[in-house]
């Protein structure tokens, strides 16, 4: 077998290792740029999500406040309407001279 001096192999090694090294460096650079873009997109989406959550919280609080006001308004209207109905019923009962039915007593019926 013939021994080939290292100086004869240098061009071959440079032709094989050089492009491999250049390709590895290019891939590392591409990966770095891509991860930087991804990180920026994640940060941007986090900020947007926080803003949307805060906005929806404000809107929800406002809607809850409006609902409470409506519930209180409806409750007061219903209470006043029931008072008027009771008053009218008492007038009707007085006009017809009917007494209200006696309260149902569970102990009196069992005996």
PDB file of N, CA and C in Angstrom:
ATOM      1  N   UNK A   1       0.821  -1.147   0.000  1.00  0.00           N
ATOM      2  CA  UNK A   1       0.000   0.000   0.000  1.00  0.00           C
ATOM      3  C   UNK A   1       0.890   1.243   0.000  1.00  0.00           C
ATOM      4  N   UNK A   2       0.427   2.198  -0.695  1.00  0.00           N
ATOM      5  CA  UNK A   2       1.221   3.385  -0.863  1.00  0.00           C
ATOM      6  C   UNK A   2       0.766   4.438   0.144  1.00  0.00           C
ATOM      7  N   UNK A   3       1.678   5.087   0.791  1.00  0.00           N
ATOM      8  CA  UNK A   3       1.380   6.110   1.781  1.00  0.00           C
ATOM      9  C   UNK A   3       1.241   7.436   1.046  1.00  0.00           C
ATOM     10  N   UNK A   4       0.112   8.085   1.330  1.00  0.00           N
ATOM     11  CA  UNK A   4      -0.157   9.365   0.680  1.00  0.00           C
ATOM     12  C   UNK A   4       0.167  10.445   1.695  1.00  0.00           C
ATOM     13  N   UNK A   5       0.999  11.373   1.324  1.00  0.00           N
ATOM     14  CA  UNK A   5       1.337  12.433   2.270  1.00  0.00           C
ATOM     15  C   UNK A   5       0.122  13.324   2.555  1.00  0.00           C
ATOM     16  N   UNK A   6       0.122  13.900   3.733  1.00  0.00           N
ATOM     17  CA  UNK A   6      -0.990  14.744   4.192  1.00  0.00           C
ATOM     18  C   UNK A   6      -1.152  15.968   3.302  1.00  0.00           C
ATOM     19  N   UNK A   7      -0.082  16.433   2.755  1.00  0.00           N
ATOM     20  CA  UNK A   7      -0.169  17.609   1.884  1.00  0.00           C
ATOM     21  C   UNK A   7      -0.935  17.297   0.607  1.00  0.00           C
ATOM     22  N   UNK A   8      -0.923  16.029   0.171  1.00  0.00           N
ATOM     23  CA  UNK A   8      -1.693  15.648  -1.013  1.00  0.00           C
ATOM     24  C   UNK A   8      -3.193  15.523  -0.667  1.00  0.00           C
ATOM     25  N   UNK A   9      -3.494  15.181   0.571  1.00  0.00           N
ATOM     26  CA  UNK A   9      -4.895  15.021   0.987  1.00  0.00           C
ATOM     27  C   UNK A   9      -5.546  16.358   1.380  1.00  0.00           C
ATOM     28  N   UNK A  10      -4.772  17.378   1.601  1.00  0.00           N
ATOM     29  CA  UNK A  10      -5.303  18.658   2.055  1.00  0.00           C
ATOM     30  C   UNK A  10      -6.356  19.222   1.109  1.00  0.00           C
ATOM     31  N   UNK A  11      -6.131  19.229  -0.203  1.00  0.00           N
ATOM     32  CA  UNK A  11      -7.180  19.757  -1.090  1.00  0.00           C
ATOM     33  C   UNK A  11      -8.465  18.925  -1.022  1.00  0.00           C
ATOM     34  N   UNK A  12      -8.332  17.616  -0.896  1.00  0.00           N
ATOM     35  CA  UNK A  12      -9.513  16.745  -0.809  1.00  0.00           C
ATOM     36  C   UNK A  12     -10.258  17.016   0.495  1.00  0.00           C
ATOM     37  N   UNK A  13      -9.496  17.090   1.606  1.00  0.00           N
ATOM     38  CA  UNK A  13     -10.131  17.382   2.899  1.00  0.00           C
ATOM     39  C   UNK A  13     -10.793  18.759   2.877  1.00  0.00           C
ATOM     40  N   UNK A  14     -10.139  19.730   2.288  1.00  0.00           N
ATOM     41  CA  UNK A  14     -10.717  21.070   2.218  1.00  0.00           C
ATOM     42  C   UNK A  14     -11.970  21.066   1.357  1.00  0.00           C
ATOM     43  N   UNK A  15     -11.989  20.275   0.279  1.00  0.00           N
ATOM     44  CA  UNK A  15     -13.150  20.209  -0.603  1.00  0.00           C
ATOM     45  C   UNK A  15     -14.329  19.524   0.081  1.00  0.00           C
ATOM     46  N   UNK A  16     -14.080  18.602   1.020  1.00  0.00           N
ATOM     47  CA  UNK A  16     -15.162  17.885   1.705  1.00  0.00           C
ATOM     48  C   UNK A  16     -15.556  18.608   2.992  1.00  0.00           C
ATOM     49  N   UNK A  17     -14.592  18.964   3.817  1.00  0.00           N
ATOM     50  CA  UNK A  17     -14.867  19.544   5.126  1.00  0.00           C
ATOM     51  C   UNK A  17     -15.316  21.002   4.996  1.00  0.00           C
ATOM     52  N   UNK A  18     -14.787  21.744   4.043  1.00  0.00           N
ATOM     53  CA  UNK A  18     -15.118  23.155   3.859  1.00  0.00           C
ATOM     54  C   UNK A  18     -16.615  23.376   3.626  1.00  0.00           C
ATOM     55  N   UNK A  19     -17.189  22.711   2.639  1.00  0.00           N
ATOM     56  CA  UNK A  19     -18.629  22.896   2.420  1.00  0.00           C
ATOM     57  C   UNK A  19     -19.486  22.397   3.585  1.00  0.00           C
ATOM     58  N   UNK A  20     -19.035  21.319   4.244  1.00  0.00           N
ATOM     59  CA  UNK A  20     -19.782  20.824   5.407  1.00  0.00           C
ATOM     60  C   UNK A  20     -19.779  21.862   6.527  1.00  0.00           C
ATOM     61  N   UNK A  21     -18.631  22.455   6.762  1.00  0.00           N
ATOM     62  CA  UNK A  21     -18.522  23.488   7.783  1.00  0.00           C
ATOM     63  C   UNK A  21     -19.349  24.722   7.408  1.00  0.00           C
ATOM     64  N   UNK A  22     -19.294  25.126   6.135  1.00  0.00           N
ATOM     65  CA  UNK A  22     -20.075  26.277   5.679  1.00  0.00           C
ATOM     66  C   UNK A  22     -21.576  25.992   5.809  1.00  0.00           C
ATOM     67  N   UNK A  23     -21.986  24.767   5.459  1.00  0.00           N
ATOM     68  CA  UNK A  23     -23.398  24.381   5.578  1.00  0.00           C
ATOM     69  C   UNK A  23     -23.842  24.389   7.047  1.00  0.00           C
ATOM     70  N   UNK A  24     -23.001  23.878   7.935  1.00  0.00           N
ATOM     71  CA  UNK A  24     -23.339  23.855   9.364  1.00  0.00           C
ATOM     72  C   UNK A  24     -23.472  25.276   9.898  1.00  0.00           C
ATOM     73  N   UNK A  25     -22.565  26.167   9.514  1.00  0.00           N
ATOM     74  CA  UNK A  25     -22.641  27.559   9.956  1.00  0.00           C
ATOM     75  C   UNK A  25     -23.896  28.247   9.403  1.00  0.00           C
ATOM     76  N   UNK A  26     -24.227  27.972   8.139  1.00  0.00           N
ATOM     77  CA  UNK A  26     -25.423  28.566   7.546  1.00  0.00           C
ATOM     78  C   UNK A  26     -26.681  28.071   8.258  1.00  0.00           C
ATOM     79  N   UNK A  27     -26.740  26.800   8.591  1.00  0.00           N
ATOM     80  CA  UNK A  27     -27.890  26.241   9.297  1.00  0.00           C
ATOM     81  C   UNK A  27     -28.007  26.825  10.707  1.00  0.00           C
ATOM     82  N   UNK A  28     -26.864  26.990  11.370  1.00  0.00           N
ATOM     83  CA  UNK A  28     -26.894  27.584  12.706  1.00  0.00           C
ATOM     84  C   UNK A  28     -27.401  29.016  12.641  1.00  0.00           C
ATOM     85  N   UNK A  29     -26.975  29.791  11.653  1.00  0.00           N
ATOM     86  CA  UNK A  29     -27.422  31.173  11.495  1.00  0.00           C
ATOM     87  C   UNK A  29     -28.927  31.224  11.200  1.00  0.00           C
ATOM     88  N   UNK A  30     -29.389  30.358  10.301  1.00  0.00           N
ATOM     89  CA  UNK A  30     -30.807  30.309   9.957  1.00  0.00           C
ATOM     90  C   UNK A  30     -31.641  29.943  11.184  1.00  0.00           C
ATOM     91  N   UNK A  31     -31.172  28.985  11.957  1.00  0.00           N
ATOM     92  CA  UNK A  31     -31.893  28.573  13.154  1.00  0.00           C
ATOM     93  C   UNK A  31     -31.941  29.704  14.188  1.00  0.00           C
ATOM     94  N   UNK A  32     -30.862  30.435  14.325  1.00  0.00           N
ATOM     95  CA  UNK A  32     -30.817  31.556  15.253  1.00  0.00           C
ATOM     96  C   UNK A  32     -31.806  32.642  14.844  1.00  0.00           C
ATOM     97  N   UNK A  33     -31.810  33.000  13.560  1.00  0.00           N
ATOM     98  CA  UNK A  33     -32.727  34.030  13.068  1.00  0.00           C
ATOM     99  C   UNK A  33     -34.170  33.572  13.246  1.00  0.00           C
ATOM    100  N   UNK A  34     -34.445  32.317  12.924  1.00  0.00           N
ATOM    101  CA  UNK A  34     -35.791  31.778  13.050  1.00  0.00           C
ATOM    102  C   UNK A  34     -36.249  31.758  14.510  1.00  0.00           C
ATOM    103  N   UNK A  35     -35.386  31.369  15.421  1.00  0.00           N
ATOM    104  CA  UNK A  35     -35.774  31.345  16.839  1.00  0.00           C
ATOM    105  C   UNK A  35     -35.984  32.765  17.368  1.00  0.00           C
ATOM    106  N   UNK A  36     -35.229  33.738  16.870  1.00  0.00           N
ATOM    107  CA  UNK A  36     -35.421  35.128  17.268  1.00  0.00           C
ATOM    108  C   UNK A  36     -36.782  35.633  16.791  1.00  0.00           C
ATOM    109  N   UNK A  37     -37.136  35.318  15.547  1.00  0.00           N
ATOM    110  CA  UNK A  37     -38.449  35.713  15.026  1.00  0.00           C
ATOM    111  C   UNK A  37     -39.570  35.045  15.822  1.00  0.00           C
ATOM    112  N   UNK A  38     -39.401  33.783  16.132  1.00  0.00           N
ATOM    113  CA  UNK A  38     -40.409  33.057  16.901  1.00  0.00           C
ATOM    114  C   UNK A  38     -40.577  33.666  18.286  1.00  0.00           C
ATOM    115  N   UNK A  39     -39.467  34.004  18.930  1.00  0.00           N
ATOM    116  CA  UNK A  39     -39.521  34.625  20.251  1.00  0.00           C
ATOM    117  C   UNK A  39     -40.248  35.970  20.191  1.00  0.00           C
ATOM    118  N   UNK A  40     -39.960  36.760  19.153  1.00  0.00           N
ATOM    119  CA  UNK A  40     -40.639  38.045  18.992  1.00  0.00           C
ATOM    120  C   UNK A  40     -42.134  37.856  18.781  1.00  0.00           C
ATOM    121  N   UNK A  41     -42.516  36.862  17.972  1.00  0.00           N
ATOM    122  CA  UNK A  41     -43.933  36.591  17.750  1.00  0.00           C
ATOM    123  C   UNK A  41     -44.630  36.150  19.035  1.00  0.00           C
ATOM    124  N   UNK A  42     -43.955  35.343  19.828  1.00  0.00           N
ATOM    125  CA  UNK A  42     -44.530  34.892  21.098  1.00  0.00           C
ATOM    126  C   UNK A  42     -44.725  36.077  22.034  1.00  0.00           C
ATOM    127  N   UNK A  43     -43.731  36.953  22.127  1.00  0.00           N
ATOM    128  CA  UNK A  43     -43.854  38.148  22.974  1.00  0.00           C
ATOM    129  C   UNK A  43     -45.002  39.038  22.514  1.00  0.00           C
ATOM    130  N   UNK A  44     -45.109  39.233  21.204  1.00  0.00           N
ATOM    131  CA  UNK A  44     -46.177  40.062  20.661  1.00  0.00           C
ATOM    132  C   UNK A  44     -47.549  39.447  20.953  1.00  0.00           C
ATOM    133  N   UNK A  45     -47.673  38.160  20.754  1.00  0.00           N
ATOM    134  CA  UNK A  45     -48.967  37.511  21.010  1.00  0.00           C
ATOM    135  C   UNK A  45     -49.300  37.528  22.500  1.00  0.00           C
ATOM    136  N   UNK A  46     -48.303  37.414  23.370  1.00  0.00           N
ATOM    137  CA  UNK A  46     -48.547  37.518  24.805  1.00  0.00           C
ATOM    138  C   UNK A  46     -49.099  38.893  25.168  1.00  0.00           C
ATOM    139  N   UNK A  47     -48.490  39.944  24.625  1.00  0.00           N
ATOM    140  CA  UNK A  47     -48.975  41.305  24.892  1.00  0.00           C
ATOM    141  C   UNK A  47     -50.398  41.485  24.380  1.00  0.00           C
ATOM    142  N   UNK A  48     -50.656  41.017  23.151  1.00  0.00           N
ATOM    143  CA  UNK A  48     -52.000  41.148  22.580  1.00  0.00           C
ATOM    144  C   UNK A  48     -53.024  40.373  23.404  1.00  0.00           C
ATOM    145  N   UNK A  49     -52.661  39.170  23.840  1.00  0.00           N
ATOM    146  CA  UNK A  49     -53.578  38.368  24.645  1.00  0.00           C
ATOM    147  C   UNK A  49     -53.879  39.042  25.974  1.00  0.00           C
ATOM    148  N   UNK A  50     -52.871  39.610  26.604  1.00  0.00           N
ATOM    149  CA  UNK A  50     -53.093  40.315  27.870  1.00  0.00           C
ATOM    150  C   UNK A  50     -54.021  41.509  27.670  1.00  0.00           C
ATOM    151  N   UNK A  51     -53.806  42.242  26.588  1.00  0.00           N
ATOM    152  CA  UNK A  51     -54.673  43.388  26.309  1.00  0.00           C
ATOM    153  C   UNK A  51     -56.111  42.938  26.064  1.00  0.00           C
ATOM    154  N   UNK A  52     -56.275  41.858  25.309  1.00  0.00           N
ATOM    155  CA  UNK A  52     -57.625  41.347  25.042  1.00  0.00           C
ATOM    156  C   UNK A  52     -58.293  40.845  26.311  1.00  0.00           C
ATOM    157  N   UNK A  53     -57.535  40.201  27.168  1.00  0.00           N
ATOM    158  CA  UNK A  53     -58.095  39.710  28.436  1.00  0.00           C
ATOM    159  C   UNK A  53     -58.524  40.884  29.307  1.00  0.00           C
ATOM    160  N   UNK A  54     -57.696  41.917  29.395  1.00  0.00           N
ATOM    161  CA  UNK A  54     -58.054  43.105  30.189  1.00  0.00           C
ATOM    162  C   UNK A  54     -59.297  43.780  29.617  1.00  0.00           C
ATOM    163  N   UNK A  55     -59.367  43.878  28.295  1.00  0.00           N
ATOM    164  CA  UNK A  55     -60.528  44.495  27.661  1.00  0.00           C
ATOM    165  C   UNK A  55     -61.787  43.672  27.933  1.00  0.00           C
ATOM    166  N   UNK A  56     -61.696  42.364  27.808  1.00  0.00           N
ATOM    167  CA  UNK A  56     -62.879  41.525  28.056  1.00  0.00           C
ATOM    168  C   UNK A  56     -63.275  41.570  29.526  1.00  0.00           C
ATOM    169  N   UNK A  57     -62.306  41.677  30.426  1.00  0.00           N
ATOM    170  CA  UNK A  57     -62.632  41.815  31.851  1.00  0.00           C
ATOM    171  C   UNK A  57     -63.400  43.109  32.113  1.00  0.00           C
ATOM    172  N   UNK A  58     -62.948  44.207  31.494  1.00  0.00           N
ATOM    173  CA  UNK A  58     -63.654  45.478  31.653  1.00  0.00           C
ATOM    174  C   UNK A  58     -65.076  45.375  31.110  1.00  0.00           C
ATOM    175  N   UNK A  59     -65.213  44.770  29.929  1.00  0.00           N
ATOM    176  CA  UNK A  59     -66.541  44.625  29.323  1.00  0.00           C
ATOM    177  C   UNK A  59     -67.434  43.736  30.193  1.00  0.00           C
ATOM    178  N   UNK A  60     -66.873  42.656  30.718  1.00  0.00           N
ATOM    179  CA  UNK A  60     -67.654  41.756  31.574  1.00  0.00           C
ATOM    180  C   UNK A  60     -68.108  42.469  32.845  1.00  0.00           C
ATOM    181  N   UNK A  61     -67.226  43.254  33.454  1.00  0.00           N
ATOM    182  CA  UNK A  61     -67.609  43.994  34.654  1.00  0.00           C
ATOM    183  C   UNK A  61     -68.733  44.979  34.357  1.00  0.00           C
ATOM    184  N   UNK A  62     -68.645  45.640  33.214  1.00  0.00           N
ATOM    185  CA  UNK A  62     -69.685  46.591  32.827  1.00  0.00           C
ATOM    186  C   UNK A  62     -71.017  45.865  32.600  1.00  0.00           C
ATOM    187  N   UNK A  63     -70.971  44.730  31.933  1.00  0.00           N
ATOM    188  CA  UNK A  63     -72.199  43.960  31.701  1.00  0.00           C
ATOM    189  C   UNK A  63     -72.792  43.441  33.010  1.00  0.00           C
ATOM    190  N   UNK A  64     -71.948  43.015  33.917  1.00  0.00           N
ATOM    191  CA  UNK A  64     -72.432  42.545  35.220  1.00  0.00           C
ATOM    192  C   UNK A  64     -73.091  43.691  35.975  1.00  0.00           C
ATOM    193  N   UNK A  65     -72.481  44.874  35.934  1.00  0.00           N
ATOM    194  CA  UNK A  65     -73.059  46.030  36.603  1.00  0.00           C
ATOM    195  C   UNK A  65     -74.421  46.373  36.003  1.00  0.00           C
ATOM    196  N   UNK A  66     -74.515  46.353  34.669  1.00  0.00           N
ATOM    197  CA  UNK A  66     -75.797  46.635  34.009  1.00  0.00           C
ATOM    198  C   UNK A  66     -76.847  45.592  34.376  1.00  0.00           C
ATOM    199  N   UNK A  67     -76.439  44.324  34.428  1.00  0.00           N
ATOM    200  CA  UNK A  67     -77.380  43.257  34.798  1.00  0.00           C
ATOM    201  C   UNK A  67     -77.874  43.441  36.226  1.00  0.00           C
ATOM    202  N   UNK A  68     -76.996  43.825  37.134  1.00  0.00           N
ATOM    203  CA  UNK A  68     -77.413  44.046  38.523  1.00  0.00           C
ATOM    204  C   UNK A  68     -78.421  45.189  38.608  1.00  0.00           C
ATOM    205  N   UNK A  69     -78.162  46.250  37.843  1.00  0.00           N
ATOM    206  CA  UNK A  69     -79.097  47.369  37.836  1.00  0.00           C
ATOM    207  C   UNK A  69     -80.462  46.933  37.313  1.00  0.00           C
ATOM    208  N   UNK A  70     -80.465  46.139  36.243  1.00  0.00           N
ATOM    209  CA  UNK A  70     -81.725  45.651  35.697  1.00  0.00           C
ATOM    210  C   UNK A  70     -82.447  44.736  36.670  1.00  0.00           C
ATOM    211  N   UNK A  71     -81.697  43.887  37.363  1.00  0.00           N
ATOM    212  CA  UNK A  71     -82.306  42.989  38.347  1.00  0.00           C
ATOM    213  C   UNK A  71     -82.938  43.800  39.466  1.00  0.00           C
ATOM    214  N   UNK A  72     -82.230  44.802  39.974  1.00  0.00           N
ATOM    215  CA  UNK A  72     -82.778  45.643  41.043  1.00  0.00           C
ATOM    216  C   UNK A  72     -84.014  46.399  40.564  1.00  0.00           C
ATOM    217  N   UNK A  73     -83.974  46.917  39.345  1.00  0.00           N
ATOM    218  CA  UNK A  73     -85.123  47.629  38.788  1.00  0.00           C
ATOM    219  C   UNK A  73     -86.320  46.691  38.661  1.00  0.00           C
ATOM    220  N   UNK A  74     -86.102  45.501  38.105  1.00  0.00           N
ATOM    221  CA  UNK A  74     -87.192  44.533  37.951  1.00  0.00           C
ATOM    222  C   UNK A  74     -87.731  44.096  39.300  1.00  0.00           C
ATOM    223  N   UNK A  75     -86.855  43.930  40.279  1.00  0.00           N
ATOM    224  CA  UNK A  75     -87.290  43.521  41.614  1.00  0.00           C
ATOM    225  C   UNK A  75     -88.178  44.595  42.241  1.00  0.00           C
ATOM    226  N   UNK A  76     -87.766  45.845  42.114  1.00  0.00           N
ATOM    227  CA  UNK A  76     -88.570  46.924  42.702  1.00  0.00           C
ATOM    228  C   UNK A  76     -89.912  47.045  41.980  1.00  0.00           C
ATOM    229  N   UNK A  77     -89.923  46.905  40.651  1.00  0.00           N
ATOM    230  CA  UNK A  77     -91.179  46.966  39.916  1.00  0.00           C
ATOM    231  C   UNK A  77     -92.093  45.802  40.290  1.00  0.00           C
ATOM    232  N   UNK A  78     -91.527  44.626  40.415  1.00  0.00           N
ATOM    233  CA  UNK A  78     -92.320  43.448  40.779  1.00  0.00           C
ATOM    234  C   UNK A  78     -92.883  43.590  42.186  1.00  0.00           C
ATOM    235  N   UNK A  79     -92.074  44.099  43.100  1.00  0.00           N
ATOM    236  CA  UNK A  79     -92.531  44.281  44.476  1.00  0.00           C
ATOM    237  C   UNK A  79     -93.688  45.279  44.529  1.00  0.00           C
ATOM    238  N   UNK A  80     -93.554  46.394  43.806  1.00  0.00           N
ATOM    239  CA  UNK A  80     -94.644  47.386  43.807  1.00  0.00           C
ATOM    240  C   UNK A  80     -95.882  46.817  43.120  1.00  0.00           C
ATOM    241  N   UNK A  81     -95.695  46.034  42.056  1.00  0.00           N
ATOM    242  CA  UNK A  81     -96.841  45.423  41.377  1.00  0.00           C
ATOM    243  C   UNK A  81     -97.549  44.445  42.287  1.00  0.00           C
ATOM    244  N   UNK A  82     -96.786  43.660  43.036  1.00  0.00           N
ATOM    245  CA  UNK A  82     -97.404  42.715  43.971  1.00  0.00           C
ATOM    246  C   UNK A  82     -98.172  43.447  45.051  1.00  0.00           C
ATOM    247  N   UNK A  83     -97.672  44.570  45.512  1.00  0.00           N
ATOM    248  CA  UNK A  83     -98.375  45.363  46.521  1.00  0.00           C
ATOM    249  C   UNK A  83     -99.701  45.866  45.979  1.00  0.00           C
ATOM    250  N   UNK A  84     -99.684  46.343  44.729  1.00  0.00           N
ATOM    251  CA  UNK A  84    -100.916  46.816  44.117  1.00  0.00           C
ATOM    252  C   UNK A  84    -101.920  45.681  43.942  1.00  0.00           C
ATOM    253  N   UNK A  85    -101.462  44.517  43.535  1.00  0.00           N
ATOM    254  CA  UNK A  85    -102.342  43.365  43.356  1.00  0.00           C
ATOM    255  C   UNK A  85    -102.935  42.944  44.691  1.00  0.00           C
ATOM    256  N   UNK A  86    -102.147  42.943  45.736  1.00  0.00           N
ATOM    257  CA  UNK A  86    -102.656  42.577  47.065  1.00  0.00           C
ATOM    258  C   UNK A  86    -103.717  43.575  47.529  1.00  0.00           C
ATOM    259  N   UNK A  87    -103.448  44.845  47.269  1.00  0.00           N
ATOM    260  CA  UNK A  87    -104.406  45.871  47.671  1.00  0.00           C
ATOM    261  C   UNK A  87    -105.713  45.719  46.900  1.00  0.00           C
ATOM    262  N   UNK A  88    -105.627  45.474  45.610  1.00  0.00           N
ATOM    263  CA  UNK A  88    -106.836  45.278  44.808  1.00  0.00           C
ATOM    264  C   UNK A  88    -107.593  44.038  45.266  1.00  0.00           C
ATOM    265  N   UNK A  89    -106.869  42.974  45.577  1.00  0.00           N
ATOM    266  CA  UNK A  89    -107.506  41.746  46.049  1.00  0.00           C
ATOM    267  C   UNK A  89    -108.216  41.983  47.375  1.00  0.00           C
ATOM    268  N   UNK A  90    -107.594  42.753  48.251  1.00  0.00           N
ATOM    269  CA  UNK A  90    -108.247  43.025  49.536  1.00  0.00           C
ATOM    270  C   UNK A  90    -109.509  43.858  49.325  1.00  0.00           C
ATOM    271  N   UNK A  91    -109.502  44.791  48.369  1.00  0.00           N
ATOM    272  CA  UNK A  91    -110.705  45.560  48.056  1.00  0.00           C
ATOM    273  C   UNK A  91    -111.792  44.656  47.477  1.00  0.00           C
ATOM    274  N   UNK A  92    -111.372  43.755  46.578  1.00  0.00           N
ATOM    275  CA  UNK A  92    -112.343  42.834  45.974  1.00  0.00           C
ATOM    276  C   UNK A  92    -112.948  41.938  47.036  1.00  0.00           C
ATOM    277  N   UNK A  93    -112.113  41.404  47.919  1.00  0.00           N
ATOM    278  CA  UNK A  93    -112.618  40.529  48.979  1.00  0.00           C
ATOM    279  C   UNK A  93    -113.552  41.289  49.918  1.00  0.00           C
ATOM    280  N   UNK A  94    -113.224  42.535  50.202  1.00  0.00           N
ATOM    281  CA  UNK A  94    -114.092  43.358  51.050  1.00  0.00           C
ATOM    282  C   UNK A  94    -115.411  43.652  50.370  1.00  0.00           C
ATOM    283  N   UNK A  95    -115.386  43.847  49.066  1.00  0.00           N
ATOM    284  CA  UNK A  95    -116.606  44.152  48.332  1.00  0.00           C
ATOM    285  C   UNK A  95    -117.521  42.933  48.297  1.00  0.00           C
ATOM    286  N   UNK A  96    -116.914  41.763  48.087  1.00  0.00           N
ATOM    287  CA  UNK A  96    -117.702  40.534  48.023  1.00  0.00           C
ATOM    288  C   UNK A  96    -117.988  39.960  49.399  1.00  0.00           C
ATOM    289  N   UNK A  97    -117.400  40.519  50.407  1.00  0.00           N
ATOM    290  CA  UNK A  97    -117.548  40.082  51.797  1.00  0.00           C
ATOM    291  C   UNK A  97    -117.166  38.609  51.964  1.00  0.00           C
ATOM    292  N   UNK A  98    -116.096  38.263  51.318  1.00  0.00           N
ATOM    293  CA  UNK A  98    -115.576  36.909  51.475  1.00  0.00           C
ATOM    294  C   UNK A  98    -114.328  36.999  52.333  1.00  0.00           C
ATOM    295  N   UNK A  99    -114.278  36.108  53.264  1.00  0.00           N
ATOM    296  CA  UNK A  99    -113.083  36.080  54.094  1.00  0.00           C
ATOM    297  C   UNK A  99    -112.074  35.143  53.447  1.00  0.00           C
ATOM    298  N   UNK A 100    -110.822  35.418  53.653  1.00  0.00           N
ATOM    299  CA  UNK A 100    -109.808  34.524  53.064  1.00  0.00           C
ATOM    300  C   UNK A 100    -109.895  33.147  53.701  1.00  0.00           C
ATOM    301  N   UNK A 101    -109.538  32.113  52.980  1.00  0.00           N
ATOM    302  CA  UNK A 101    -109.584  30.761  53.539  1.00  0.00           C
ATOM    303  C   UNK A 101    -108.662  30.651  54.731  1.00  0.00           C
ATOM    304  N   UNK A 102    -109.080  29.830  55.728  1.00  0.00           N
ATOM    305  CA  UNK A 102    -108.217  29.685  56.914  1.00  0.00           C
ATOM    306  C   UNK A 102    -106.896  29.046  56.529  1.00  0.00           C
ATOM    307  N   UNK A 103    -105.846  29.408  57.244  1.00  0.00           N
ATOM    308  CA  UNK A 103    -104.533  28.827  56.919  1.00  0.00           C
ATOM    309  C   UNK A 103    -104.553  27.317  57.169  1.00  0.00           C
ATOM    310  N   UNK A 104    -103.888  26.623  56.297  1.00  0.00           N
ATOM    311  CA  UNK A 104    -103.821  25.158  56.411  1.00  0.00           C
ATOM    312  C   UNK A 104    -102.918  24.814  57.581  1.00  0.00           C
ATOM    313  N   UNK A 105    -103.484  24.119  58.581  1.00  0.00           N
ATOM    314  CA  UNK A 105    -102.748  23.740  59.764  1.00  0.00           C
ATOM    315  C   UNK A 105    -102.571  22.222  59.708  1.00  0.00           C
ATOM    316  N   UNK A 106    -101.335  21.781  59.579  1.00  0.00           N
ATOM    317  CA  UNK A 106    -101.065  20.337  59.455  1.00  0.00           C
ATOM    318  C   UNK A 106    -101.500  19.558  60.683  1.00  0.00           C
ATOM    319  N   UNK A 107    -101.368  20.107  61.895  1.00  0.00           N
ATOM    320  CA  UNK A 107    -101.698  19.397  63.123  1.00  0.00           C
ATOM    321  C   UNK A 107    -103.220  19.262  63.280  1.00  0.00           C
ATOM    322  N   UNK A 108    -103.996  20.255  62.867  1.00  0.00           N
ATOM    323  CA  UNK A 108    -105.452  20.203  63.019  1.00  0.00           C
ATOM    324  C   UNK A 108    -106.058  19.179  62.075  1.00  0.00           C
ATOM    325  N   UNK A 109    -105.468  19.002  60.908  1.00  0.00           N
ATOM    326  CA  UNK A 109    -106.015  18.052  59.950  1.00  0.00           C
ATOM    327  C   UNK A 109    -105.678  16.619  60.348  1.00  0.00           C
ATOM    328  N   UNK A 110    -104.593  16.402  61.013  1.00  0.00           N
ATOM    329  CA  UNK A 110    -104.186  15.049  61.391  1.00  0.00           C
ATOM    330  C   UNK A 110    -105.061  14.513  62.490  1.00  0.00           C
ATOM    331  N   UNK A 111    -105.696  15.355  63.324  1.00  0.00           N
ATOM    332  CA  UNK A 111    -106.501  14.910  64.438  1.00  0.00           C
ATOM    333  C   UNK A 111    -107.834  14.450  64.025  1.00  0.00           C
TER     334      UNK A 111
END
